Amino acid sequence: MDWKTYIHSDPKILLGKPVVKGTRLSVEFILGLFSEGWTQQQILESYPTLSAIAIQAVFAFAAECLKEDVFYTPLLSAEAG
């Protein structure tokens, strides 16, 4: 999945947060909906400018970001102690 086809960042849109192209829906917002228990169907019905493939791109983008960062390591260490 090439998320770059669906996700971009523009300083003029939401202060440069990554968004789904053609929308003002940030990756953070969409992931937040899922974390609150929304289903893909609920999101697609509520935000008709999104597509299933764009939602898949949100997850691909997040996965790539996590591969490149290690910010979660201290969190895991704190939970173990």
Protein backbone atom coordinates (compact mmCIF):
# COMPACT_ATOMS: atom_id res chain seq x y z
CA MET A 1 0.00 0.00 0.00
CA ASP A 2 1.45 3.32 -1.05
CA TRP A 3 -0.09 5.63 1.53
CA LYS A 4 1.48 8.66 -0.19
CA THR A 5 -1.27 8.46 -2.80
CA TYR A 6 -3.87 9.17 -0.10
CA ILE A 7 -2.14 11.01 2.76
CA HIS A 8 -0.37 14.37 2.60
CA SER A 9 0.65 17.30 4.74
CA ASP A 10 0.13 20.95 3.84
CA PRO A 11 0.97 23.78 6.26
CA LYS A 12 -2.23 25.52 5.10
CA ILE A 13 -4.42 22.59 6.20
CA LEU A 14 -4.74 21.82 9.93
CA LEU A 15 -1.32 23.36 10.59
CA GLY A 16 0.40 20.70 8.51
CA LYS A 17 -1.02 17.62 10.23
CA PRO A 18 -1.17 14.61 7.90
CA VAL A 19 -4.64 14.43 6.34
CA VAL A 20 -6.45 12.32 3.78
CA LYS A 21 -6.03 14.12 0.46
CA GLY A 22 -9.06 16.13 -0.56
CA THR A 23 -10.34 16.36 3.02
CA ARG A 24 -9.61 18.12 6.28
CA LEU A 25 -9.74 14.77 8.10
CA SER A 26 -6.46 14.14 9.86
CA VAL A 27 -4.85 10.76 10.34
CA GLU A 28 -4.97 11.46 14.08
CA PHE A 29 -8.73 12.11 13.96
CA ILE A 30 -9.50 8.94 12.00
CA LEU A 31 -7.35 6.77 14.28
CA GLY A 32 -9.10 8.41 17.23
CA LEU A 33 -12.49 7.35 15.88
CA PHE A 34 -11.31 3.75 15.68
CA SER A 35 -9.88 3.94 19.20
CA GLU A 36 -13.30 5.10 20.43
CA GLY A 37 -14.91 2.00 18.92
CA TRP A 38 -16.19 3.31 15.60
CA THR A 39 -16.33 0.75 12.80
CA GLN A 40 -15.08 1.35 9.29
CA GLN A 41 -18.69 1.34 8.10
CA GLN A 42 -19.68 4.03 10.62
CA ILE A 43 -16.76 6.21 9.56
CA LEU A 44 -17.50 5.81 5.86
CA GLU A 45 -21.18 6.62 6.42
CA SER A 46 -20.37 9.68 8.55
CA TYR A 47 -17.59 10.97 6.28
CA PRO A 48 -18.59 10.17 2.68
CA THR A 49 -15.50 11.87 1.27
CA LEU A 50 -13.45 8.96 2.65
CA SER A 51 -13.01 5.60 0.95
CA ALA A 52 -12.07 2.22 2.36
CA ILE A 53 -8.70 2.43 0.62
CA ALA A 54 -8.06 5.87 2.17
CA ILE A 55 -8.71 4.37 5.61
CA GLN A 56 -6.29 1.56 4.81
CA ALA A 57 -3.75 4.26 3.87
CA VAL A 58 -4.24 5.87 7.30
CA PHE A 59 -3.16 2.61 8.93
CA ALA A 60 -0.28 2.12 6.50
CA PHE A 61 0.94 5.65 7.28
CA ALA A 62 0.69 5.04 11.05
CA ALA A 63 2.51 1.71 10.76
CA GLU A 64 5.36 3.31 8.82
CA CYS A 65 5.62 6.13 11.37
CA LEU A 66 5.88 3.63 14.21
CA LYS A 67 8.62 1.71 12.41
CA GLU A 68 10.74 4.85 12.24
CA ASP A 69 10.22 6.13 15.79
CA VAL A 70 11.09 4.71 19.18
CA PHE A 71 8.96 7.02 21.32
CA TYR A 72 6.99 4.05 22.68
CA THR A 73 10.01 2.29 24.26
CA PRO A 74 9.90 4.29 27.55
CA LEU A 75 6.16 3.58 27.83
CA LEU A 76 6.74 -0.16 27.64
CA SER A 77 9.53 0.04 30.21
CA ALA A 78 7.34 2.02 32.63
CA GLU A 79 4.53 -0.56 32.39
CA ALA A 80 6.93 -3.43 33.15
CA GLY A 81 8.18 -1.79 36.36
